[in-house]
Amino acid sequence: MKAYETSMKITSEGKLELPPNITKLLPRNQMVRAIILIPEASESEEAAWERLTVEQFFNGYGEADSIYDRK
């Protein structure tokens, strides 16, 4: 199986527009598989650090630490 990676445009009609240099490489009258990756809204760097801090804190929290949760 061959793989080609390229960016492409989605037209106002909702169709994918492949660049000509990729189109000429594709077989005619055959089914192909495609993976479409759409960028998500980017989070700010500050929000990313905050999320990472919280994740790392809870990753370091062990069962032995639950003794501090009791009254």
PDB file of N, CA and C in Angstrom:
ATOM      1  N   MET A   1       0.843  -1.170   0.000  1.00  0.00           N
ATOM      2  CA  MET A   1       0.000   0.000   0.000  1.00  0.00           C
ATOM      3  C   MET A   1       0.892   1.238   0.000  1.00  0.00           C
ATOM      4  N   LYS A   2       0.620   2.170  -0.850  1.00  0.00           N
ATOM      5  CA  LYS A   2       1.349   3.436  -0.898  1.00  0.00           C
ATOM      6  C   LYS A   2       0.575   4.471  -0.103  1.00  0.00           C
ATOM      7  N   ALA A   3       1.293   5.439   0.419  1.00  0.00           N
ATOM      8  CA  ALA A   3       0.657   6.528   1.165  1.00  0.00           C
ATOM      9  C   ALA A   3       1.206   7.856   0.680  1.00  0.00           C
ATOM     10  N   TYR A   4       0.335   8.813   0.502  1.00  0.00           N
ATOM     11  CA  TYR A   4       0.713  10.165   0.129  1.00  0.00           C
ATOM     12  C   TYR A   4       0.114  11.101   1.157  1.00  0.00           C
ATOM     13  N   GLU A   5       0.900  12.061   1.596  1.00  0.00           N
ATOM     14  CA  GLU A   5       0.396  13.041   2.550  1.00  0.00           C
ATOM     15  C   GLU A   5       0.445  14.418   1.909  1.00  0.00           C
ATOM     16  N   THR A   6      -0.648  15.129   1.988  1.00  0.00           N
ATOM     17  CA  THR A   6      -0.719  16.468   1.438  1.00  0.00           C
ATOM     18  C   THR A   6      -1.841  17.233   2.117  1.00  0.00           C
ATOM     19  N   SER A   7      -1.778  18.525   2.044  1.00  0.00           N
ATOM     20  CA  SER A   7      -2.890  19.349   2.503  1.00  0.00           C
ATOM     21  C   SER A   7      -3.841  19.520   1.337  1.00  0.00           C
ATOM     22  N   MET A   8      -5.108  19.664   1.635  1.00  0.00           N
ATOM     23  CA  MET A   8      -6.079  19.878   0.573  1.00  0.00           C
ATOM     24  C   MET A   8      -7.145  20.841   1.044  1.00  0.00           C
ATOM     25  N   LYS A   9      -7.857  21.375   0.109  1.00  0.00           N
ATOM     26  CA  LYS A   9      -8.889  22.373   0.383  1.00  0.00           C
ATOM     27  C   LYS A   9     -10.261  21.713   0.358  1.00  0.00           C
ATOM     28  N   ILE A  10     -11.142  22.177   1.221  1.00  0.00           N
ATOM     29  CA  ILE A  10     -12.549  21.784   1.160  1.00  0.00           C
ATOM     30  C   ILE A  10     -13.277  22.939   0.488  1.00  0.00           C
ATOM     31  N   THR A  11     -13.910  22.646  -0.625  1.00  0.00           N
ATOM     32  CA  THR A  11     -14.574  23.697  -1.394  1.00  0.00           C
ATOM     33  C   THR A  11     -15.845  24.151  -0.689  1.00  0.00           C
ATOM     34  N   SER A  12     -16.428  25.230  -1.175  1.00  0.00           N
ATOM     35  CA  SER A  12     -17.676  25.735  -0.589  1.00  0.00           C
ATOM     36  C   SER A  12     -18.822  24.735  -0.768  1.00  0.00           C
ATOM     37  N   GLU A  13     -18.667  23.802  -1.716  1.00  0.00           N
ATOM     38  CA  GLU A  13     -19.674  22.745  -1.911  1.00  0.00           C
ATOM     39  C   GLU A  13     -19.437  21.552  -0.987  1.00  0.00           C
ATOM     40  N   GLY A  14     -18.351  21.601  -0.198  1.00  0.00           N
ATOM     41  CA  GLY A  14     -18.036  20.524   0.729  1.00  0.00           C
ATOM     42  C   GLY A  14     -17.246  19.383   0.112  1.00  0.00           C
ATOM     43  N   LYS A  15     -16.635  19.616  -1.033  1.00  0.00           N
ATOM     44  CA  LYS A  15     -15.843  18.579  -1.695  1.00  0.00           C
ATOM     45  C   LYS A  15     -14.368  18.808  -1.419  1.00  0.00           C
ATOM     46  N   LEU A  16     -13.608  17.712  -1.371  1.00  0.00           N
ATOM     47  CA  LEU A  16     -12.161  17.803  -1.193  1.00  0.00           C
ATOM     48  C   LEU A  16     -11.508  18.104  -2.526  1.00  0.00           C
ATOM     49  N   GLU A  17     -10.607  19.058  -2.516  1.00  0.00           N
ATOM     50  CA  GLU A  17      -9.897  19.447  -3.732  1.00  0.00           C
ATOM     51  C   GLU A  17      -8.434  19.047  -3.590  1.00  0.00           C
ATOM     52  N   LEU A  18      -8.049  17.992  -4.312  1.00  0.00           N
ATOM     53  CA  LEU A  18      -6.672  17.502  -4.252  1.00  0.00           C
ATOM     54  C   LEU A  18      -5.764  18.337  -5.138  1.00  0.00           C
ATOM     55  N   PRO A  19      -4.521  18.533  -4.707  1.00  0.00           N
ATOM     56  CA  PRO A  19      -3.559  19.231  -5.561  1.00  0.00           C
ATOM     57  C   PRO A  19      -3.269  18.386  -6.809  1.00  0.00           C
ATOM     58  N   PRO A  20      -3.016  19.039  -7.942  1.00  0.00           N
ATOM     59  CA  PRO A  20      -2.769  18.304  -9.200  1.00  0.00           C
ATOM     60  C   PRO A  20      -1.606  17.312  -9.113  1.00  0.00           C
ATOM     61  N   ASN A  21      -0.549  17.646  -8.367  1.00  0.00           N
ATOM     62  CA  ASN A  21       0.591  16.725  -8.290  1.00  0.00           C
ATOM     63  C   ASN A  21       0.226  15.420  -7.586  1.00  0.00           C
ATOM     64  N   ILE A  22      -0.764  15.429  -6.716  1.00  0.00           N
ATOM     65  CA  ILE A  22      -1.228  14.191  -6.065  1.00  0.00           C
ATOM     66  C   ILE A  22      -2.237  13.481  -6.967  1.00  0.00           C
ATOM     67  N   THR A  23      -3.108  14.241  -7.583  1.00  0.00           N
ATOM     68  CA  THR A  23      -4.132  13.660  -8.449  1.00  0.00           C
ATOM     69  C   THR A  23      -3.522  12.788  -9.534  1.00  0.00           C
ATOM     70  N   LYS A  24      -2.400  13.236 -10.110  1.00  0.00           N
ATOM     71  CA  LYS A  24      -1.784  12.459 -11.201  1.00  0.00           C
ATOM     72  C   LYS A  24      -1.162  11.153 -10.703  1.00  0.00           C
ATOM     73  N   LEU A  25      -0.925  11.040  -9.391  1.00  0.00           N
ATOM     74  CA  LEU A  25      -0.349   9.816  -8.834  1.00  0.00           C
ATOM     75  C   LEU A  25      -1.406   8.758  -8.497  1.00  0.00           C
ATOM     76  N   LEU A  26      -2.655   9.167  -8.411  1.00  0.00           N
ATOM     77  CA  LEU A  26      -3.715   8.265  -7.961  1.00  0.00           C
ATOM     78  C   LEU A  26      -4.237   7.397  -9.100  1.00  0.00           C
ATOM     79  N   PRO A  27      -4.572   6.141  -8.768  1.00  0.00           N
ATOM     80  CA  PRO A  27      -5.110   5.242  -9.787  1.00  0.00           C
ATOM     81  C   PRO A  27      -6.524   5.673 -10.191  1.00  0.00           C
ATOM     82  N   ARG A  28      -6.873   5.418 -11.422  1.00  0.00           N
ATOM     83  CA  ARG A  28      -8.203   5.748 -11.929  1.00  0.00           C
ATOM     84  C   ARG A  28      -9.139   4.554 -11.738  1.00  0.00           C
ATOM     85  N   ASN A  29     -10.389   4.846 -11.474  1.00  0.00           N
ATOM     86  CA  ASN A  29     -11.441   3.828 -11.349  1.00  0.00           C
ATOM     87  C   ASN A  29     -11.127   2.772 -10.299  1.00  0.00           C
ATOM     88  N   GLN A  30     -10.537   3.186  -9.177  1.00  0.00           N
ATOM     89  CA  GLN A  30     -10.263   2.277  -8.064  1.00  0.00           C
ATOM     90  C   GLN A  30     -10.687   2.953  -6.767  1.00  0.00           C
ATOM     91  N   MET A  31     -11.009   2.133  -5.812  1.00  0.00           N
ATOM     92  CA  MET A  31     -11.296   2.650  -4.477  1.00  0.00           C
ATOM     93  C   MET A  31      -9.977   2.929  -3.780  1.00  0.00           C
ATOM     94  N   VAL A  32      -9.918   3.993  -3.008  1.00  0.00           N
ATOM     95  CA  VAL A  32      -8.752   4.313  -2.192  1.00  0.00           C
ATOM     96  C   VAL A  32      -9.233   4.573  -0.773  1.00  0.00           C
ATOM     97  N   ARG A  33      -8.306   4.513   0.174  1.00  0.00           N
ATOM     98  CA  ARG A  33      -8.624   4.829   1.567  1.00  0.00           C
ATOM     99  C   ARG A  33      -8.022   6.180   1.886  1.00  0.00           C
ATOM    100  N   ALA A  34      -8.725   6.953   2.687  1.00  0.00           N
ATOM    101  CA  ALA A  34      -8.220   8.278   3.052  1.00  0.00           C
ATOM    102  C   ALA A  34      -8.380   8.479   4.552  1.00  0.00           C
ATOM    103  N   ILE A  35      -7.441   9.175   5.130  1.00  0.00           N
ATOM    104  CA  ILE A  35      -7.531   9.595   6.532  1.00  0.00           C
ATOM    105  C   ILE A  35      -7.564  11.116   6.504  1.00  0.00           C
ATOM    106  N   ILE A  36      -8.564  11.694   7.124  1.00  0.00           N
ATOM    107  CA  ILE A  36      -8.720  13.142   7.124  1.00  0.00           C
ATOM    108  C   ILE A  36      -8.484  13.656   8.538  1.00  0.00           C
ATOM    109  N   LEU A  37      -7.518  14.541   8.678  1.00  0.00           N
ATOM    110  CA  LEU A  37      -7.186  15.136   9.967  1.00  0.00           C
ATOM    111  C   LEU A  37      -7.569  16.606   9.930  1.00  0.00           C
ATOM    112  N   ILE A  38      -8.376  17.021  10.883  1.00  0.00           N
ATOM    113  CA  ILE A  38      -8.821  18.407  10.955  1.00  0.00           C
ATOM    114  C   ILE A  38      -8.251  19.018  12.224  1.00  0.00           C
ATOM    115  N   PRO A  39      -7.536  20.130  12.109  1.00  0.00           N
ATOM    116  CA  PRO A  39      -6.965  20.743  13.312  1.00  0.00           C
ATOM    117  C   PRO A  39      -8.063  21.219  14.258  1.00  0.00           C
ATOM    118  N   GLU A  40      -7.836  20.965  15.537  1.00  0.00           N
ATOM    119  CA  GLU A  40      -8.779  21.425  16.551  1.00  0.00           C
ATOM    120  C   GLU A  40      -8.416  22.846  16.953  1.00  0.00           C
ATOM    121  N   ALA A  41      -9.348  23.492  17.613  1.00  0.00           N
ATOM    122  CA  ALA A  41      -9.053  24.823  18.129  1.00  0.00           C
ATOM    123  C   ALA A  41      -7.890  24.700  19.105  1.00  0.00           C
ATOM    124  N   SER A  42      -6.868  25.503  18.923  1.00  0.00           N
ATOM    125  CA  SER A  42      -5.690  25.377  19.781  1.00  0.00           C
ATOM    126  C   SER A  42      -5.930  26.028  21.129  1.00  0.00           C
ATOM    127  N   GLU A  43      -5.468  25.348  22.151  1.00  0.00           N
ATOM    128  CA  GLU A  43      -5.586  25.922  23.477  1.00  0.00           C
ATOM    129  C   GLU A  43      -4.378  26.806  23.738  1.00  0.00           C
ATOM    130  N   SER A  44      -4.553  27.771  24.582  1.00  0.00           N
ATOM    131  CA  SER A  44      -3.443  28.675  24.854  1.00  0.00           C
ATOM    132  C   SER A  44      -2.333  27.926  25.578  1.00  0.00           C
ATOM    133  N   GLU A  45      -1.151  28.455  25.476  1.00  0.00           N
ATOM    134  CA  GLU A  45      -0.001  27.814  26.121  1.00  0.00           C
ATOM    135  C   GLU A  45      -0.206  27.756  27.632  1.00  0.00           C
ATOM    136  N   GLU A  46      -0.786  28.784  28.198  1.00  0.00           N
ATOM    137  CA  GLU A  46      -1.026  28.803  29.644  1.00  0.00           C
ATOM    138  C   GLU A  46      -1.999  27.704  30.051  1.00  0.00           C
ATOM    139  N   ALA A  47      -3.067  27.524  29.274  1.00  0.00           N
ATOM    140  CA  ALA A  47      -4.034  26.477  29.567  1.00  0.00           C
ATOM    141  C   ALA A  47      -3.397  25.094  29.432  1.00  0.00           C
ATOM    142  N   ALA A  48      -2.508  24.936  28.460  1.00  0.00           N
ATOM    143  CA  ALA A  48      -1.826  23.653  28.270  1.00  0.00           C
ATOM    144  C   ALA A  48      -0.943  23.330  29.470  1.00  0.00           C
ATOM    145  N   TRP A  49      -0.210  24.334  29.963  1.00  0.00           N
ATOM    146  CA  TRP A  49       0.638  24.110  31.145  1.00  0.00           C
ATOM    147  C   TRP A  49      -0.212  23.781  32.363  1.00  0.00           C
ATOM    148  N   GLU A  50      -1.336  24.462  32.516  1.00  0.00           N
ATOM    149  CA  GLU A  50      -2.221  24.201  33.655  1.00  0.00           C
ATOM    150  C   GLU A  50      -2.753  22.772  33.610  1.00  0.00           C
ATOM    151  N   ARG A  51      -3.175  22.336  32.420  1.00  0.00           N
ATOM    152  CA  ARG A  51      -3.681  20.971  32.264  1.00  0.00           C
ATOM    153  C   ARG A  51      -2.580  19.956  32.574  1.00  0.00           C
ATOM    154  N   LEU A  52      -1.375  20.192  32.060  1.00  0.00           N
ATOM    155  CA  LEU A  52      -0.257  19.287  32.303  1.00  0.00           C
ATOM    156  C   LEU A  52       0.077  19.218  33.795  1.00  0.00           C
ATOM    157  N   THR A  53       0.055  20.361  34.476  1.00  0.00           N
ATOM    158  CA  THR A  53       0.339  20.394  35.913  1.00  0.00           C
ATOM    159  C   THR A  53      -0.659  19.548  36.689  1.00  0.00           C
ATOM    160  N   VAL A  54      -1.924  19.701  36.382  1.00  0.00           N
ATOM    161  CA  VAL A  54      -2.964  18.926  37.069  1.00  0.00           C
ATOM    162  C   VAL A  54      -2.794  17.436  36.786  1.00  0.00           C
ATOM    163  N   GLU A  55      -2.551  17.082  35.533  1.00  0.00           N
ATOM    164  CA  GLU A  55      -2.361  15.674  35.177  1.00  0.00           C
ATOM    165  C   GLU A  55      -1.179  15.069  35.923  1.00  0.00           C
ATOM    166  N   GLN A  56      -0.056  15.777  35.942  1.00  0.00           N
ATOM    167  CA  GLN A  56       1.139  15.268  36.611  1.00  0.00           C
ATOM    168  C   GLN A  56       0.928  15.160  38.121  1.00  0.00           C
ATOM    169  N   PHE A  57       0.199  16.106  38.701  1.00  0.00           N
ATOM    170  CA  PHE A  57      -0.081  16.056  40.137  1.00  0.00           C
ATOM    171  C   PHE A  57      -0.853  14.785  40.475  1.00  0.00           C
ATOM    172  N   PHE A  58      -1.911  14.521  39.716  1.00  0.00           N
ATOM    173  CA  PHE A  58      -2.723  13.347  40.020  1.00  0.00           C
ATOM    174  C   PHE A  58      -2.035  12.041  39.637  1.00  0.00           C
ATOM    175  N   ASN A  59      -1.129  12.073  38.677  1.00  0.00           N
ATOM    176  CA  ASN A  59      -0.349  10.875  38.359  1.00  0.00           C
ATOM    177  C   ASN A  59       0.567  10.504  39.522  1.00  0.00           C
ATOM    178  N   GLY A  60       1.028  11.503  40.272  1.00  0.00           N
ATOM    179  CA  GLY A  60       1.904  11.255  41.411  1.00  0.00           C
ATOM    180  C   GLY A  60       1.154  10.923  42.692  1.00  0.00           C
ATOM    181  N   TYR A  61      -0.170  11.016  42.684  1.00  0.00           N
ATOM    182  CA  TYR A  61      -0.986  10.740  43.864  1.00  0.00           C
ATOM    183  C   TYR A  61      -1.211   9.244  43.953  1.00  0.00           C
ATOM    184  N   GLY A  62      -0.727   8.611  45.014  1.00  0.00           N
ATOM    185  CA  GLY A  62      -0.851   7.170  45.165  1.00  0.00           C
ATOM    186  C   GLY A  62      -1.889   6.791  46.213  1.00  0.00           C
ATOM    187  N   GLU A  63      -2.178   5.504  46.275  1.00  0.00           N
ATOM    188  CA  GLU A  63      -3.142   4.972  47.255  1.00  0.00           C
ATOM    189  C   GLU A  63      -2.678   5.261  48.681  1.00  0.00           C
ATOM    190  N   ALA A  64      -1.381   5.232  48.916  1.00  0.00           N
ATOM    191  CA  ALA A  64      -0.846   5.501  50.260  1.00  0.00           C
ATOM    192  C   ALA A  64      -1.138   6.926  50.706  1.00  0.00           C
ATOM    193  N   ASP A  65      -1.335   7.827  49.764  1.00  0.00           N
ATOM    194  CA  ASP A  65      -1.636   9.214  50.104  1.00  0.00           C
ATOM    195  C   ASP A  65      -3.068   9.406  50.603  1.00  0.00           C
ATOM    196  N   SER A  66      -3.923   8.414  50.437  1.00  0.00           N
ATOM    197  CA  SER A  66      -5.316   8.552  50.853  1.00  0.00           C
ATOM    198  C   SER A  66      -5.464   8.674  52.361  1.00  0.00           C
ATOM    199  N   ILE A  67      -4.441   8.341  53.129  1.00  0.00           N
ATOM    200  CA  ILE A  67      -4.488   8.482  54.582  1.00  0.00           C
ATOM    201  C   ILE A  67      -4.738   9.950  54.972  1.00  0.00           C
ATOM    202  N   TYR A  68      -4.287  10.868  54.139  1.00  0.00           N
ATOM    203  CA  TYR A  68      -4.464  12.298  54.418  1.00  0.00           C
ATOM    204  C   TYR A  68      -5.873  12.781  54.109  1.00  0.00           C
ATOM    205  N   ASP A  69      -6.662  11.967  53.414  1.00  0.00           N
ATOM    206  CA  ASP A  69      -8.038  12.335  53.076  1.00  0.00           C
ATOM    207  C   ASP A  69      -9.005  12.058  54.237  1.00  0.00           C
ATOM    208  N   ARG A  70      -8.580  11.289  55.230  1.00  0.00           N
ATOM    209  CA  ARG A  70      -9.467  10.924  56.339  1.00  0.00           C
ATOM    210  C   ARG A  70      -9.453  12.024  57.400  1.00  0.00           C
ATOM    211  N   LYS A  71     -10.574  12.156  58.108  1.00  0.00           N
ATOM    212  CA  LYS A  71     -10.678  13.160  59.186  1.00  0.00           C
ATOM    213  C   LYS A  71     -10.211  12.573  60.489  1.00  0.00           C
TER     214      LYS A  71
END
